[in-house]
């Protein structure tokens, strides 16, 4: 399934103003805003938060990469071009204890 088709299966994120990735100390290490061009990523991360209880586990990382589909190859080839995918590709992302925190609007 490609990214566009996958998005149609994920829960809406219109009720959010964004989502934070938070480290074990509670610091926000990345923010995904509810903004044009970011809504697909917000929907993926929101769905991951729901499915994995807010934990960014190795399984959540793999699921996120699966959902981002064809964009993962481009993110690997062009680091920085897809910052929301880059977080899933970071070494040890699934073992870092990061939490996904959806932010209600």
PDB file of N, CA and C in Angstrom:
ATOM      1  N   UNK A   1       0.857  -1.180   0.000  1.00  0.00           N
ATOM      2  CA  UNK A   1       0.000   0.000   0.000  1.00  0.00           C
ATOM      3  C   UNK A   1       0.904   1.244   0.000  1.00  0.00           C
ATOM      4  N   UNK A   2       0.530   2.245  -0.764  1.00  0.00           N
ATOM      5  CA  UNK A   2       1.322   3.470  -0.785  1.00  0.00           C
ATOM      6  C   UNK A   2       0.838   4.430   0.319  1.00  0.00           C
ATOM      7  N   UNK A   3       1.589   5.517   0.494  1.00  0.00           N
ATOM      8  CA  UNK A   3       1.314   6.462   1.579  1.00  0.00           C
ATOM      9  C   UNK A   3      -0.095   7.045   1.478  1.00  0.00           C
ATOM     10  N   UNK A   4      -0.477   7.460   0.289  1.00  0.00           N
ATOM     11  CA  UNK A   4      -1.803   8.072   0.103  1.00  0.00           C
ATOM     12  C   UNK A   4      -2.914   7.099   0.493  1.00  0.00           C
ATOM     13  N   UNK A   5      -2.806   5.860   0.052  1.00  0.00           N
ATOM     14  CA  UNK A   5      -3.815   4.854   0.394  1.00  0.00           C
ATOM     15  C   UNK A   5      -3.817   4.552   1.888  1.00  0.00           C
ATOM     16  N   UNK A   6      -2.640   4.500   2.476  1.00  0.00           N
ATOM     17  CA  UNK A   6      -2.527   4.243   3.917  1.00  0.00           C
ATOM     18  C   UNK A   6      -3.210   5.352   4.710  1.00  0.00           C
ATOM     19  N   UNK A   7      -2.988   6.603   4.323  1.00  0.00           N
ATOM     20  CA  UNK A   7      -3.592   7.733   5.053  1.00  0.00           C
ATOM     21  C   UNK A   7      -5.107   7.598   5.142  1.00  0.00           C
ATOM     22  N   UNK A   8      -5.713   7.085   4.088  1.00  0.00           N
ATOM     23  CA  UNK A   8      -7.171   6.933   4.082  1.00  0.00           C
ATOM     24  C   UNK A   8      -7.654   5.939   5.139  1.00  0.00           C
ATOM     25  N   UNK A   9      -6.763   5.077   5.621  1.00  0.00           N
ATOM     26  CA  UNK A   9      -7.143   4.076   6.631  1.00  0.00           C
ATOM     27  C   UNK A   9      -6.862   4.537   8.057  1.00  0.00           C
ATOM     28  N   UNK A  10      -6.143   5.643   8.214  1.00  0.00           N
ATOM     29  CA  UNK A  10      -5.744   6.107   9.546  1.00  0.00           C
ATOM     30  C   UNK A  10      -6.769   7.081  10.120  1.00  0.00           C
ATOM     31  N   UNK A  11      -6.834   7.157  11.451  1.00  0.00           N
ATOM     32  CA  UNK A  11      -7.774   8.098  12.069  1.00  0.00           C
ATOM     33  C   UNK A  11      -7.442   9.546  11.716  1.00  0.00           C
ATOM     34  N   UNK A  12      -8.465  10.355  11.681  1.00  0.00           N
ATOM     35  CA  UNK A  12      -8.291  11.786  11.423  1.00  0.00           C
ATOM     36  C   UNK A  12      -7.509  12.427  12.571  1.00  0.00           C
ATOM     37  N   UNK A  13      -6.877  13.553  12.261  1.00  0.00           N
ATOM     38  CA  UNK A  13      -6.134  14.290  13.287  1.00  0.00           C
ATOM     39  C   UNK A  13      -6.557  15.757  13.308  1.00  0.00           C
ATOM     40  N   UNK A  14      -7.735  16.046  12.734  1.00  0.00           N
ATOM     41  CA  UNK A  14      -8.222  17.432  12.652  1.00  0.00           C
ATOM     42  C   UNK A  14      -8.446  18.051  14.030  1.00  0.00           C
ATOM     43  N   UNK A  15      -8.654  17.226  15.014  1.00  0.00           N
ATOM     44  CA  UNK A  15      -8.941  17.706  16.364  1.00  0.00           C
ATOM     45  C   UNK A  15      -7.664  18.009  17.160  1.00  0.00           C
ATOM     46  N   UNK A  16      -6.505  17.883  16.499  1.00  0.00           N
ATOM     47  CA  UNK A  16      -5.231  18.139  17.173  1.00  0.00           C
ATOM     48  C   UNK A  16      -4.613  19.435  16.684  1.00  0.00           C
ATOM     49  N   UNK A  17      -3.838  20.078  17.548  1.00  0.00           N
ATOM     50  CA  UNK A  17      -3.040  21.232  17.132  1.00  0.00           C
ATOM     51  C   UNK A  17      -1.612  20.811  16.830  1.00  0.00           C
ATOM     52  N   UNK A  18      -1.324  19.518  17.078  1.00  0.00           N
ATOM     53  CA  UNK A  18      -0.006  18.974  16.794  1.00  0.00           C
ATOM     54  C   UNK A  18       0.256  17.751  17.644  1.00  0.00           C
ATOM     55  N   UNK A  19       1.508  17.298  17.617  1.00  0.00           N
ATOM     56  CA  UNK A  19       1.938  16.155  18.405  1.00  0.00           C
ATOM     57  C   UNK A  19       3.392  16.376  18.764  1.00  0.00           C
ATOM     58  N   UNK A  20       3.731  16.068  20.009  1.00  0.00           N
ATOM     59  CA  UNK A  20       5.112  16.183  20.463  1.00  0.00           C
ATOM     60  C   UNK A  20       5.728  14.801  20.633  1.00  0.00           C
ATOM     61  N   UNK A  21       7.001  14.696  20.294  1.00  0.00           N
ATOM     62  CA  UNK A  21       7.805  13.541  20.681  1.00  0.00           C
ATOM     63  C   UNK A  21       8.588  14.012  21.903  1.00  0.00           C
ATOM     64  N   UNK A  22       8.442  13.261  22.991  1.00  0.00           N
ATOM     65  CA  UNK A  22       8.989  13.669  24.277  1.00  0.00           C
ATOM     66  C   UNK A  22       9.996  12.621  24.735  1.00  0.00           C
ATOM     67  N   UNK A  23      11.148  13.078  25.258  1.00  0.00           N
ATOM     68  CA  UNK A  23      12.155  12.135  25.737  1.00  0.00           C
ATOM     69  C   UNK A  23      11.844  11.681  27.161  1.00  0.00           C
ATOM     70  N   UNK A  24      12.700  10.837  27.721  1.00  0.00           N
ATOM     71  CA  UNK A  24      12.443  10.258  29.048  1.00  0.00           C
ATOM     72  C   UNK A  24      12.466  11.302  30.157  1.00  0.00           C
ATOM     73  N   UNK A  25      13.092  12.446  29.929  1.00  0.00           N
ATOM     74  CA  UNK A  25      13.111  13.523  30.923  1.00  0.00           C
ATOM     75  C   UNK A  25      11.895  14.439  30.797  1.00  0.00           C
ATOM     76  N   UNK A  26      11.055  14.188  29.795  1.00  0.00           N
ATOM     77  CA  UNK A  26       9.865  15.008  29.586  1.00  0.00           C
ATOM     78  C   UNK A  26      10.077  16.197  28.670  1.00  0.00           C
ATOM     79  N   UNK A  27      11.258  16.297  28.067  1.00  0.00           N
ATOM     80  CA  UNK A  27      11.542  17.406  27.156  1.00  0.00           C
ATOM     81  C   UNK A  27      11.008  17.090  25.760  1.00  0.00           C
ATOM     82  N   UNK A  28      10.432  18.100  25.139  1.00  0.00           N
ATOM     83  CA  UNK A  28       9.960  17.955  23.761  1.00  0.00           C
ATOM     84  C   UNK A  28      11.189  17.972  22.859  1.00  0.00           C
ATOM     85  N   UNK A  29      11.395  16.871  22.121  1.00  0.00           N
ATOM     86  CA  UNK A  29      12.544  16.794  21.224  1.00  0.00           C
ATOM     87  C   UNK A  29      12.150  17.015  19.767  1.00  0.00           C
ATOM     88  N   UNK A  30      10.843  16.935  19.489  1.00  0.00           N
ATOM     89  CA  UNK A  30      10.359  17.200  18.131  1.00  0.00           C
ATOM     90  C   UNK A  30       8.868  17.518  18.214  1.00  0.00           C
ATOM     91  N   UNK A  31       8.439  18.430  17.377  1.00  0.00           N
ATOM     92  CA  UNK A  31       7.024  18.821  17.326  1.00  0.00           C
ATOM     93  C   UNK A  31       6.543  18.721  15.886  1.00  0.00           C
ATOM     94  N   UNK A  32       5.379  18.107  15.717  1.00  0.00           N
ATOM     95  CA  UNK A  32       4.728  18.051  14.402  1.00  0.00           C
ATOM     96  C   UNK A  32       3.469  18.917  14.508  1.00  0.00           C
ATOM     97  N   UNK A  33       3.438  20.049  13.829  1.00  0.00           N
ATOM     98  CA  UNK A  33       2.267  20.926  13.916  1.00  0.00           C
ATOM     99  C   UNK A  33       1.132  20.459  13.021  1.00  0.00           C
ATOM    100  N   UNK A  34      -0.063  20.866  13.353  1.00  0.00           N
ATOM    101  CA  UNK A  34      -1.221  20.667  12.466  1.00  0.00           C
ATOM    102  C   UNK A  34      -1.183  21.818  11.470  1.00  0.00           C
ATOM    103  N   UNK A  35      -0.429  21.627  10.411  1.00  0.00           N
ATOM    104  CA  UNK A  35      -0.209  22.678   9.424  1.00  0.00           C
ATOM    105  C   UNK A  35      -0.200  22.059   8.027  1.00  0.00           C
ATOM    106  N   UNK A  36      -0.502  22.867   7.024  1.00  0.00           N
ATOM    107  CA  UNK A  36      -0.441  22.349   5.651  1.00  0.00           C
ATOM    108  C   UNK A  36       0.920  21.712   5.374  1.00  0.00           C
ATOM    109  N   UNK A  37       0.890  20.569   4.723  1.00  0.00           N
ATOM    110  CA  UNK A  37       2.112  19.854   4.417  1.00  0.00           C
ATOM    111  C   UNK A  37       2.604  18.941   5.524  1.00  0.00           C
ATOM    112  N   UNK A  38       1.973  19.018   6.692  1.00  0.00           N
ATOM    113  CA  UNK A  38       2.369  18.203   7.850  1.00  0.00           C
ATOM    114  C   UNK A  38       1.255  17.274   8.312  1.00  0.00           C
ATOM    115  N   UNK A  39       0.070  17.423   7.743  1.00  0.00           N
ATOM    116  CA  UNK A  39      -1.085  16.664   8.246  1.00  0.00           C
ATOM    117  C   UNK A  39      -0.941  15.162   8.033  1.00  0.00           C
ATOM    118  N   UNK A  40      -0.296  14.733   6.954  1.00  0.00           N
ATOM    119  CA  UNK A  40      -0.072  13.305   6.747  1.00  0.00           C
ATOM    120  C   UNK A  40       0.809  12.726   7.841  1.00  0.00           C
ATOM    121  N   UNK A  41       1.894  13.418   8.141  1.00  0.00           N
ATOM    122  CA  UNK A  41       2.772  12.970   9.223  1.00  0.00           C
ATOM    123  C   UNK A  41       2.048  12.987  10.562  1.00  0.00           C
ATOM    124  N   UNK A  42       1.254  14.022  10.785  1.00  0.00           N
ATOM    125  CA  UNK A  42       0.507  14.105  12.036  1.00  0.00           C
ATOM    126  C   UNK A  42      -0.442  12.918  12.166  1.00  0.00           C
ATOM    127  N   UNK A  43      -1.100  12.561  11.086  1.00  0.00           N
ATOM    128  CA  UNK A  43      -2.018  11.408  11.124  1.00  0.00           C
ATOM    129  C   UNK A  43      -1.262  10.112  11.409  1.00  0.00           C
ATOM    130  N   UNK A  44      -0.091   9.930  10.805  1.00  0.00           N
ATOM    131  CA  UNK A  44       0.705   8.724  11.054  1.00  0.00           C
ATOM    132  C   UNK A  44       1.105   8.661  12.531  1.00  0.00           C
ATOM    133  N   UNK A  45       1.670   9.730  13.040  1.00  0.00           N
ATOM    134  CA  UNK A  45       2.140   9.723  14.433  1.00  0.00           C
ATOM    135  C   UNK A  45       0.979   9.619  15.419  1.00  0.00           C
ATOM    136  N   UNK A  46      -0.133  10.253  15.104  1.00  0.00           N
ATOM    137  CA  UNK A  46      -1.318  10.142  15.966  1.00  0.00           C
ATOM    138  C   UNK A  46      -1.803   8.693  16.002  1.00  0.00           C
ATOM    139  N   UNK A  47      -1.838   8.036  14.849  1.00  0.00           N
ATOM    140  CA  UNK A  47      -2.251   6.632  14.793  1.00  0.00           C
ATOM    141  C   UNK A  47      -1.268   5.749  15.565  1.00  0.00           C
ATOM    142  N   UNK A  48       0.017   6.049  15.470  1.00  0.00           N
ATOM    143  CA  UNK A  48       1.013   5.298  16.244  1.00  0.00           C
ATOM    144  C   UNK A  48       0.784   5.481  17.736  1.00  0.00           C
ATOM    145  N   UNK A  49       0.502   6.716  18.147  1.00  0.00           N
ATOM    146  CA  UNK A  49       0.239   6.984  19.567  1.00  0.00           C
ATOM    147  C   UNK A  49      -0.960   6.178  20.056  1.00  0.00           C
ATOM    148  N   UNK A  50      -1.997   6.116  19.239  1.00  0.00           N
ATOM    149  CA  UNK A  50      -3.188   5.356  19.621  1.00  0.00           C
ATOM    150  C   UNK A  50      -2.889   3.868  19.676  1.00  0.00           C
ATOM    151  N   UNK A  51      -2.242   3.355  18.671  1.00  0.00           N
ATOM    152  CA  UNK A  51      -2.005   1.908  18.561  1.00  0.00           C
ATOM    153  C   UNK A  51      -1.018   1.395  19.612  1.00  0.00           C
ATOM    154  N   UNK A  52      -0.019   2.209  19.966  1.00  0.00           N
ATOM    155  CA  UNK A  52       1.042   1.748  20.855  1.00  0.00           C
ATOM    156  C   UNK A  52       1.021   2.452  22.213  1.00  0.00           C
ATOM    157  N   UNK A  53      -0.117   2.999  22.582  1.00  0.00           N
ATOM    158  CA  UNK A  53      -0.265   3.601  23.902  1.00  0.00           C
ATOM    159  C   UNK A  53       0.677   4.759  24.169  1.00  0.00           C
ATOM    160  N   UNK A  54       1.058   5.461  23.121  1.00  0.00           N
ATOM    161  CA  UNK A  54       1.923   6.628  23.266  1.00  0.00           C
ATOM    162  C   UNK A  54       3.407   6.303  23.284  1.00  0.00           C
ATOM    163  N   UNK A  55       3.779   5.032  23.327  1.00  0.00           N
ATOM    164  CA  UNK A  55       5.187   4.646  23.381  1.00  0.00           C
ATOM    165  C   UNK A  55       5.745   4.465  21.970  1.00  0.00           C
ATOM    166  N   UNK A  56       6.926   5.007  21.737  1.00  0.00           N
ATOM    167  CA  UNK A  56       7.591   4.792  20.455  1.00  0.00           C
ATOM    168  C   UNK A  56       8.509   3.576  20.608  1.00  0.00           C
ATOM    169  N   UNK A  57       7.923   2.422  20.494  1.00  0.00           N
ATOM    170  CA  UNK A  57       8.603   1.136  20.630  1.00  0.00           C
ATOM    171  C   UNK A  57       9.237   0.734  19.300  1.00  0.00           C
ATOM    172  N   UNK A  58      10.072  -0.321  19.298  1.00  0.00           N
ATOM    173  CA  UNK A  58      10.576  -0.801  18.009  1.00  0.00           C
ATOM    174  C   UNK A  58       9.442  -1.173  17.047  1.00  0.00           C
ATOM    175  N   UNK A  59       8.370  -1.745  17.566  1.00  0.00           N
ATOM    176  CA  UNK A  59       7.232  -2.108  16.723  1.00  0.00           C
ATOM    177  C   UNK A  59       6.554  -0.855  16.162  1.00  0.00           C
ATOM    178  N   UNK A  60       6.453   0.192  16.974  1.00  0.00           N
ATOM    179  CA  UNK A  60       5.853   1.442  16.509  1.00  0.00           C
ATOM    180  C   UNK A  60       6.716   2.075  15.418  1.00  0.00           C
ATOM    181  N   UNK A  61       8.028   2.040  15.616  1.00  0.00           N
ATOM    182  CA  UNK A  61       8.937   2.582  14.595  1.00  0.00           C
ATOM    183  C   UNK A  61       8.729   1.851  13.276  1.00  0.00           C
ATOM    184  N   UNK A  62       8.714   0.522  13.323  1.00  0.00           N
ATOM    185  CA  UNK A  62       8.543  -0.259  12.095  1.00  0.00           C
ATOM    186  C   UNK A  62       7.187   0.017  11.448  1.00  0.00           C
ATOM    187  N   UNK A  63       6.144   0.112  12.269  1.00  0.00           N
ATOM    188  CA  UNK A  63       4.817   0.398  11.727  1.00  0.00           C
ATOM    189  C   UNK A  63       4.803   1.763  11.052  1.00  0.00           C
ATOM    190  N   UNK A  64       5.413   2.758  11.689  1.00  0.00           N
ATOM    191  CA  UNK A  64       5.479   4.093  11.103  1.00  0.00           C
ATOM    192  C   UNK A  64       6.202   4.097   9.766  1.00  0.00           C
ATOM    193  N   UNK A  65       7.322   3.368   9.698  1.00  0.00           N
ATOM    194  CA  UNK A  65       8.057   3.285   8.432  1.00  0.00           C
ATOM    195  C   UNK A  65       7.223   2.580   7.369  1.00  0.00           C
ATOM    196  N   UNK A  66       6.501   1.543   7.766  1.00  0.00           N
ATOM    197  CA  UNK A  66       5.610   0.866   6.815  1.00  0.00           C
ATOM    198  C   UNK A  66       4.547   1.832   6.299  1.00  0.00           C
ATOM    199  N   UNK A  67       3.962   2.621   7.186  1.00  0.00           N
ATOM    200  CA  UNK A  67       2.910   3.549   6.777  1.00  0.00           C
ATOM    201  C   UNK A  67       3.433   4.675   5.887  1.00  0.00           C
ATOM    202  N   UNK A  68       4.655   5.136   6.150  1.00  0.00           N
ATOM    203  CA  UNK A  68       5.226   6.190   5.308  1.00  0.00           C
ATOM    204  C   UNK A  68       5.604   5.654   3.924  1.00  0.00           C
ATOM    205  N   UNK A  69       5.651   4.353   3.781  1.00  0.00           N
ATOM    206  CA  UNK A  69       5.788   3.639   2.508  1.00  0.00           C
ATOM    207  C   UNK A  69       6.906   4.183   1.615  1.00  0.00           C
ATOM    208  N   UNK A  70       6.524   4.632   0.432  1.00  0.00           N
ATOM    209  CA  UNK A  70       7.515   5.033  -0.575  1.00  0.00           C
ATOM    210  C   UNK A  70       8.351   6.237  -0.161  1.00  0.00           C
ATOM    211  N   UNK A  71       7.924   6.998   0.825  1.00  0.00           N
ATOM    212  CA  UNK A  71       8.682   8.177   1.256  1.00  0.00           C
ATOM    213  C   UNK A  71       9.912   7.810   2.075  1.00  0.00           C
ATOM    214  N   UNK A  72       9.954   6.588   2.601  1.00  0.00           N
ATOM    215  CA  UNK A  72      11.095   6.168   3.429  1.00  0.00           C
ATOM    216  C   UNK A  72      12.373   6.090   2.587  1.00  0.00           C
ATOM    217  N   UNK A  73      12.297   5.539   1.392  1.00  0.00           N
ATOM    218  CA  UNK A  73      13.477   5.449   0.528  1.00  0.00           C
ATOM    219  C   UNK A  73      14.026   6.841   0.224  1.00  0.00           C
ATOM    220  N   UNK A  74      13.136   7.794  -0.033  1.00  0.00           N
ATOM    221  CA  UNK A  74      13.568   9.162  -0.302  1.00  0.00           C
ATOM    222  C   UNK A  74      14.191   9.784   0.940  1.00  0.00           C
ATOM    223  N   UNK A  75      13.620   9.505   2.117  1.00  0.00           N
ATOM    224  CA  UNK A  75      14.169  10.035   3.370  1.00  0.00           C
ATOM    225  C   UNK A  75      15.569   9.473   3.626  1.00  0.00           C
ATOM    226  N   UNK A  76      15.772   8.201   3.319  1.00  0.00           N
ATOM    227  CA  UNK A  76      17.106   7.597   3.496  1.00  0.00           C
ATOM    228  C   UNK A  76      18.107   8.206   2.515  1.00  0.00           C
ATOM    229  N   UNK A  77      17.665   8.481   1.308  1.00  0.00           N
ATOM    230  CA  UNK A  77      18.546   9.031   0.278  1.00  0.00           C
ATOM    231  C   UNK A  77      18.841  10.513   0.501  1.00  0.00           C
ATOM    232  N   UNK A  78      17.900  11.210   1.141  1.00  0.00           N
ATOM    233  CA  UNK A  78      18.038  12.663   1.332  1.00  0.00           C
ATOM    234  C   UNK A  78      17.756  13.016   2.795  1.00  0.00           C
ATOM    235  N   UNK A  79      18.688  12.713   3.699  1.00  0.00           N
ATOM    236  CA  UNK A  79      18.465  13.060   5.113  1.00  0.00           C
ATOM    237  C   UNK A  79      18.123  14.547   5.262  1.00  0.00           C
ATOM    238  N   UNK A  80      17.105  14.822   6.062  1.00  0.00           N
ATOM    239  CA  UNK A  80      16.655  16.193   6.275  1.00  0.00           C
ATOM    240  C   UNK A  80      15.486  16.590   5.396  1.00  0.00           C
ATOM    241  N   UNK A  81      15.262  15.862   4.308  1.00  0.00           N
ATOM    242  CA  UNK A  81      14.161  16.195   3.405  1.00  0.00           C
ATOM    243  C   UNK A  81      12.809  15.792   3.986  1.00  0.00           C
ATOM    244  N   UNK A  82      12.808  14.811   4.863  1.00  0.00           N
ATOM    245  CA  UNK A  82      11.585  14.314   5.502  1.00  0.00           C
ATOM    246  C   UNK A  82      11.831  14.211   7.013  1.00  0.00           C
ATOM    247  N   UNK A  83      11.843  15.342   7.711  1.00  0.00           N
ATOM    248  CA  UNK A  83      12.233  15.319   9.121  1.00  0.00           C
ATOM    249  C   UNK A  83      11.375  14.409   9.997  1.00  0.00           C
ATOM    250  N   UNK A  84      10.106  14.247   9.681  1.00  0.00           N
ATOM    251  CA  UNK A  84       9.257  13.399  10.524  1.00  0.00           C
ATOM    252  C   UNK A  84       9.561  11.914  10.315  1.00  0.00           C
ATOM    253  N   UNK A  85      10.042  11.549   9.155  1.00  0.00           N
ATOM    254  CA  UNK A  85      10.503  10.176   8.921  1.00  0.00           C
ATOM    255  C   UNK A  85      11.896  10.001   9.526  1.00  0.00           C
ATOM    256  N   UNK A  86      12.721  11.040   9.455  1.00  0.00           N
ATOM    257  CA  UNK A  86      14.075  10.966  10.010  1.00  0.00           C
ATOM    258  C   UNK A  86      14.058  10.551  11.484  1.00  0.00           C
ATOM    259  N   UNK A  87      13.047  10.986  12.237  1.00  0.00           N
ATOM    260  CA  UNK A  87      12.977  10.614  13.655  1.00  0.00           C
ATOM    261  C   UNK A  87      12.788   9.113  13.815  1.00  0.00           C
ATOM    262  N   UNK A  88      12.054   8.500  12.918  1.00  0.00           N
ATOM    263  CA  UNK A  88      11.872   7.041  12.978  1.00  0.00           C
ATOM    264  C   UNK A  88      13.132   6.304  12.536  1.00  0.00           C
ATOM    265  N   UNK A  89      13.941   6.931  11.696  1.00  0.00           N
ATOM    266  CA  UNK A  89      15.161   6.318  11.197  1.00  0.00           C
ATOM    267  C   UNK A  89      16.363   6.516  12.125  1.00  0.00           C
ATOM    268  N   UNK A  90      16.220   7.354  13.152  1.00  0.00           N
ATOM    269  CA  UNK A  90      17.336   7.599  14.065  1.00  0.00           C
ATOM    270  C   UNK A  90      17.757   6.307  14.753  1.00  0.00           C
ATOM    271  N   UNK A  91      19.044   6.137  14.894  1.00  0.00           N
ATOM    272  CA  UNK A  91      19.602   4.975  15.597  1.00  0.00           C
ATOM    273  C   UNK A  91      18.994   4.888  16.996  1.00  0.00           C
ATOM    274  N   UNK A  92      18.433   3.747  17.318  1.00  0.00           N
ATOM    275  CA  UNK A  92      17.891   3.520  18.652  1.00  0.00           C
ATOM    276  C   UNK A  92      16.565   4.194  18.946  1.00  0.00           C
ATOM    277  N   UNK A  93      15.890   4.717  17.935  1.00  0.00           N
ATOM    278  CA  UNK A  93      14.628   5.439  18.164  1.00  0.00           C
ATOM    279  C   UNK A  93      13.619   4.600  18.947  1.00  0.00           C
ATOM    280  N   UNK A  94      13.526   3.332  18.653  1.00  0.00           N
ATOM    281  CA  UNK A  94      12.545   2.471  19.318  1.00  0.00           C
ATOM    282  C   UNK A  94      12.933   2.059  20.723  1.00  0.00           C
ATOM    283  N   UNK A  95      14.191   2.269  21.097  1.00  0.00           N
ATOM    284  CA  UNK A  95      14.651   1.908  22.433  1.00  0.00           C
ATOM    285  C   UNK A  95      14.912   3.124  23.317  1.00  0.00           C
ATOM    286  N   UNK A  96      14.675   4.313  22.825  1.00  0.00           N
ATOM    287  CA  UNK A  96      15.030   5.534  23.543  1.00  0.00           C
ATOM    288  C   UNK A  96      14.036   5.915  24.641  1.00  0.00           C
ATOM    289  N   UNK A  97      12.883   5.241  24.681  1.00  0.00           N
ATOM    290  CA  UNK A  97      11.882   5.586  25.684  1.00  0.00           C
ATOM    291  C   UNK A  97      11.068   6.815  25.338  1.00  0.00           C
ATOM    292  N   UNK A  98      11.084   7.209  24.073  1.00  0.00           N
ATOM    293  CA  UNK A  98      10.340   8.385  23.649  1.00  0.00           C
ATOM    294  C   UNK A  98       8.845   8.122  23.710  1.00  0.00           C
ATOM    295  N   UNK A  99       8.092   9.174  23.979  1.00  0.00           N
ATOM    296  CA  UNK A  99       6.627   9.115  24.036  1.00  0.00           C
ATOM    297  C   UNK A  99       6.059  10.020  22.947  1.00  0.00           C
ATOM    298  N   UNK A 100       4.896   9.622  22.441  1.00  0.00           N
ATOM    299  CA  UNK A 100       4.164  10.400  21.449  1.00  0.00           C
ATOM    300  C   UNK A 100       2.981  11.036  22.162  1.00  0.00           C
ATOM    301  N   UNK A 101       2.944  12.358  22.167  1.00  0.00           N
ATOM    302  CA  UNK A 101       1.928  13.085  22.924  1.00  0.00           C
ATOM    303  C   UNK A 101       1.082  13.941  21.987  1.00  0.00           C
ATOM    304  N   UNK A 102      -0.115  13.462  21.614  1.00  0.00           N
ATOM    305  CA  UNK A 102      -1.018  14.287  20.800  1.00  0.00           C
ATOM    306  C   UNK A 102      -1.485  15.508  21.602  1.00  0.00           C
ATOM    307  N   UNK A 103      -1.583  16.653  20.940  1.00  0.00           N
ATOM    308  CA  UNK A 103      -1.962  17.908  21.578  1.00  0.00           C
ATOM    309  C   UNK A 103      -3.339  18.330  21.087  1.00  0.00           C
ATOM    310  N   UNK A 104      -4.366  18.226  21.937  1.00  0.00           N
ATOM    311  CA  UNK A 104      -5.723  18.624  21.516  1.00  0.00           C
ATOM    312  C   UNK A 104      -5.762  20.101  21.120  1.00  0.00           C
ATOM    313  N   UNK A 105      -6.602  20.414  20.148  1.00  0.00           N
ATOM    314  CA  UNK A 105      -6.754  21.805  19.690  1.00  0.00           C
ATOM    315  C   UNK A 105      -7.427  22.645  20.750  1.00  0.00           C
TER     316      UNK A 105
END
